[in-house]
Amino acid sequence: MIEVTRLNGTKILINPDLIELVEETPDTVISFTTGRKIIVKESRQEIKNLVKLYRKDIFT
């Protein structure tokens, strides 16, 4: 799980395996394979780095 911050400041954990798409429009919108979408404070690049760290941690 990776931790992200909603626009209201609430921190949540999401399953990066369910991420389908990350867009900056200019807010960062994460779309999941389930059809759900959330808007977060982190940038697209930050989300990418969090997912890479998560995968690195899992596979080492």
N, C-alpha and C. Protein backbone atom coordinates (compact mmCIF):
# COMPACT_ATOMS: atom_id res chain seq x y z
N MET A 1 0.84 -1.18 0.00
CA MET A 1 0.00 0.00 0.00
C MET A 1 0.89 1.24 0.00
N ILE A 2 0.43 2.29 -0.69
CA ILE A 2 1.15 3.56 -0.66
C ILE A 2 0.22 4.62 -0.05
N GLU A 3 0.84 5.59 0.62
CA GLU A 3 0.08 6.64 1.28
C GLU A 3 0.02 7.88 0.40
N VAL A 4 -1.19 8.40 0.21
CA VAL A 4 -1.39 9.63 -0.54
C VAL A 4 -2.29 10.56 0.28
N THR A 5 -2.35 11.82 -0.14
CA THR A 5 -3.11 12.82 0.60
C THR A 5 -4.23 13.38 -0.26
N ARG A 6 -5.45 13.27 0.23
CA ARG A 6 -6.58 13.89 -0.48
C ARG A 6 -6.47 15.40 -0.37
N LEU A 7 -7.23 16.12 -1.17
CA LEU A 7 -7.17 17.57 -1.16
C LEU A 7 -7.58 18.18 0.18
N ASN A 8 -8.41 17.46 0.95
CA ASN A 8 -8.82 17.98 2.25
C ASN A 8 -7.79 17.69 3.35
N GLY A 9 -6.66 17.08 2.99
CA GLY A 9 -5.58 16.80 3.94
C GLY A 9 -5.62 15.42 4.55
N THR A 10 -6.66 14.65 4.27
CA THR A 10 -6.77 13.29 4.79
C THR A 10 -5.78 12.38 4.11
N LYS A 11 -5.02 11.64 4.90
CA LYS A 11 -4.08 10.67 4.35
C LYS A 11 -4.79 9.33 4.22
N ILE A 12 -4.59 8.69 3.07
CA ILE A 12 -5.20 7.38 2.82
C ILE A 12 -4.16 6.44 2.23
N LEU A 13 -4.40 5.16 2.38
CA LEU A 13 -3.55 4.13 1.77
C LEU A 13 -4.29 3.56 0.58
N ILE A 14 -3.57 3.43 -0.54
CA ILE A 14 -4.18 2.85 -1.74
C ILE A 14 -3.33 1.68 -2.22
N ASN A 15 -3.98 0.78 -2.93
CA ASN A 15 -3.30 -0.38 -3.49
C ASN A 15 -2.78 0.00 -4.88
N PRO A 16 -1.46 0.13 -5.03
CA PRO A 16 -0.92 0.56 -6.33
C PRO A 16 -1.15 -0.45 -7.45
N ASP A 17 -1.46 -1.69 -7.10
CA ASP A 17 -1.74 -2.69 -8.12
C ASP A 17 -3.05 -2.41 -8.85
N LEU A 18 -3.91 -1.58 -8.25
CA LEU A 18 -5.20 -1.26 -8.87
C LEU A 18 -5.19 0.05 -9.64
N ILE A 19 -4.03 0.75 -9.66
CA ILE A 19 -3.95 2.01 -10.39
C ILE A 19 -3.92 1.72 -11.90
N GLU A 20 -4.82 2.38 -12.60
CA GLU A 20 -4.88 2.23 -14.04
C GLU A 20 -4.26 3.45 -14.74
N LEU A 21 -4.50 4.65 -14.17
CA LEU A 21 -4.09 5.88 -14.83
C LEU A 21 -3.87 6.98 -13.80
N VAL A 22 -2.83 7.80 -14.01
CA VAL A 22 -2.58 8.97 -13.16
C VAL A 22 -2.49 10.17 -14.09
N GLU A 23 -3.36 11.17 -13.86
CA GLU A 23 -3.40 12.37 -14.70
C GLU A 23 -3.18 13.61 -13.86
N GLU A 24 -2.58 14.64 -14.44
CA GLU A 24 -2.50 15.95 -13.82
C GLU A 24 -3.33 16.90 -14.67
N THR A 25 -4.41 17.44 -14.08
CA THR A 25 -5.35 18.24 -14.89
C THR A 25 -5.84 19.51 -14.22
N PRO A 26 -5.23 20.40 -13.54
CA PRO A 26 -3.89 20.35 -12.97
C PRO A 26 -3.82 19.53 -11.68
N ASP A 27 -4.98 19.24 -11.05
CA ASP A 27 -4.94 18.35 -9.87
C ASP A 27 -4.59 16.95 -10.33
N THR A 28 -3.99 16.18 -9.44
CA THR A 28 -3.62 14.81 -9.77
C THR A 28 -4.82 13.90 -9.51
N VAL A 29 -5.26 13.23 -10.56
CA VAL A 29 -6.39 12.31 -10.49
C VAL A 29 -5.88 10.89 -10.70
N ILE A 30 -6.17 10.02 -9.73
CA ILE A 30 -5.79 8.60 -9.85
C ILE A 30 -7.04 7.82 -10.20
N SER A 31 -6.99 7.11 -11.32
CA SER A 31 -8.10 6.24 -11.74
C SER A 31 -7.70 4.79 -11.46
N PHE A 32 -8.65 4.05 -10.92
CA PHE A 32 -8.40 2.65 -10.56
C PHE A 32 -9.11 1.71 -11.53
N THR A 33 -8.65 0.49 -11.57
CA THR A 33 -9.26 -0.51 -12.44
C THR A 33 -10.70 -0.80 -12.04
N THR A 34 -11.08 -0.42 -10.83
CA THR A 34 -12.45 -0.63 -10.34
C THR A 34 -13.41 0.44 -10.85
N GLY A 35 -12.86 1.49 -11.51
CA GLY A 35 -13.69 2.57 -11.99
C GLY A 35 -13.71 3.77 -11.06
N ARG A 36 -13.21 3.60 -9.87
CA ARG A 36 -13.16 4.70 -8.89
C ARG A 36 -12.04 5.67 -9.24
N LYS A 37 -12.25 6.96 -8.89
CA LYS A 37 -11.23 7.99 -9.10
C LYS A 37 -11.09 8.79 -7.81
N ILE A 38 -9.85 9.21 -7.51
CA ILE A 38 -9.62 10.09 -6.38
C ILE A 38 -8.68 11.22 -6.82
N ILE A 39 -8.82 12.37 -6.17
CA ILE A 39 -7.95 13.51 -6.44
C ILE A 39 -7.02 13.64 -5.24
N VAL A 40 -5.72 13.76 -5.51
CA VAL A 40 -4.73 13.81 -4.43
C VAL A 40 -3.80 15.02 -4.61
N LYS A 41 -3.10 15.37 -3.53
CA LYS A 41 -2.17 16.50 -3.54
C LYS A 41 -0.85 16.17 -4.22
N GLU A 42 -0.43 14.92 -4.16
CA GLU A 42 0.85 14.52 -4.73
C GLU A 42 0.84 14.69 -6.24
N SER A 43 2.00 14.98 -6.80
CA SER A 43 2.12 15.11 -8.26
C SER A 43 2.15 13.73 -8.91
N ARG A 44 2.01 13.73 -10.23
CA ARG A 44 2.10 12.49 -11.00
C ARG A 44 3.45 11.82 -10.76
N GLN A 45 4.51 12.62 -10.76
CA GLN A 45 5.86 12.09 -10.56
C GLN A 45 6.02 11.50 -9.16
N GLU A 46 5.43 12.15 -8.15
CA GLU A 46 5.50 11.62 -6.79
C GLU A 46 4.79 10.27 -6.69
N ILE A 47 3.64 10.16 -7.34
CA ILE A 47 2.90 8.89 -7.35
C ILE A 47 3.75 7.82 -8.02
N LYS A 48 4.36 8.16 -9.13
CA LYS A 48 5.23 7.22 -9.85
C LYS A 48 6.36 6.74 -8.94
N ASN A 49 6.99 7.66 -8.24
CA ASN A 49 8.09 7.29 -7.34
C ASN A 49 7.61 6.42 -6.19
N LEU A 50 6.44 6.72 -5.64
CA LEU A 50 5.89 5.90 -4.55
C LEU A 50 5.62 4.47 -5.01
N VAL A 51 5.08 4.35 -6.23
CA VAL A 51 4.80 3.01 -6.77
C VAL A 51 6.10 2.25 -7.01
N LYS A 52 7.11 2.94 -7.54
CA LYS A 52 8.41 2.29 -7.78
C LYS A 52 9.02 1.82 -6.46
N LEU A 53 8.96 2.65 -5.43
CA LEU A 53 9.49 2.25 -4.12
C LEU A 53 8.72 1.07 -3.54
N TYR A 54 7.41 1.09 -3.72
CA TYR A 54 6.57 0.00 -3.23
C TYR A 54 6.96 -1.32 -3.92
N ARG A 55 7.09 -1.28 -5.23
CA ARG A 55 7.44 -2.49 -5.97
C ARG A 55 8.85 -2.97 -5.61
N LYS A 56 9.77 -2.03 -5.46
CA LYS A 56 11.14 -2.39 -5.08
C LYS A 56 11.15 -3.08 -3.72
N ASP A 57 10.35 -2.56 -2.79
CA ASP A 57 10.26 -3.13 -1.45
C ASP A 57 9.66 -4.53 -1.49
N ILE A 58 8.66 -4.72 -2.32
CA ILE A 58 7.98 -6.03 -2.43
C ILE A 58 8.89 -7.09 -3.03
N PHE A 59 9.65 -6.72 -4.06
CA PHE A 59 10.41 -7.70 -4.82
C PHE A 59 11.86 -7.86 -4.39
N THR A 60 12.24 -7.24 -3.26
CA THR A 60 13.62 -7.43 -2.76
C THR A 60 13.62 -8.11 -1.43
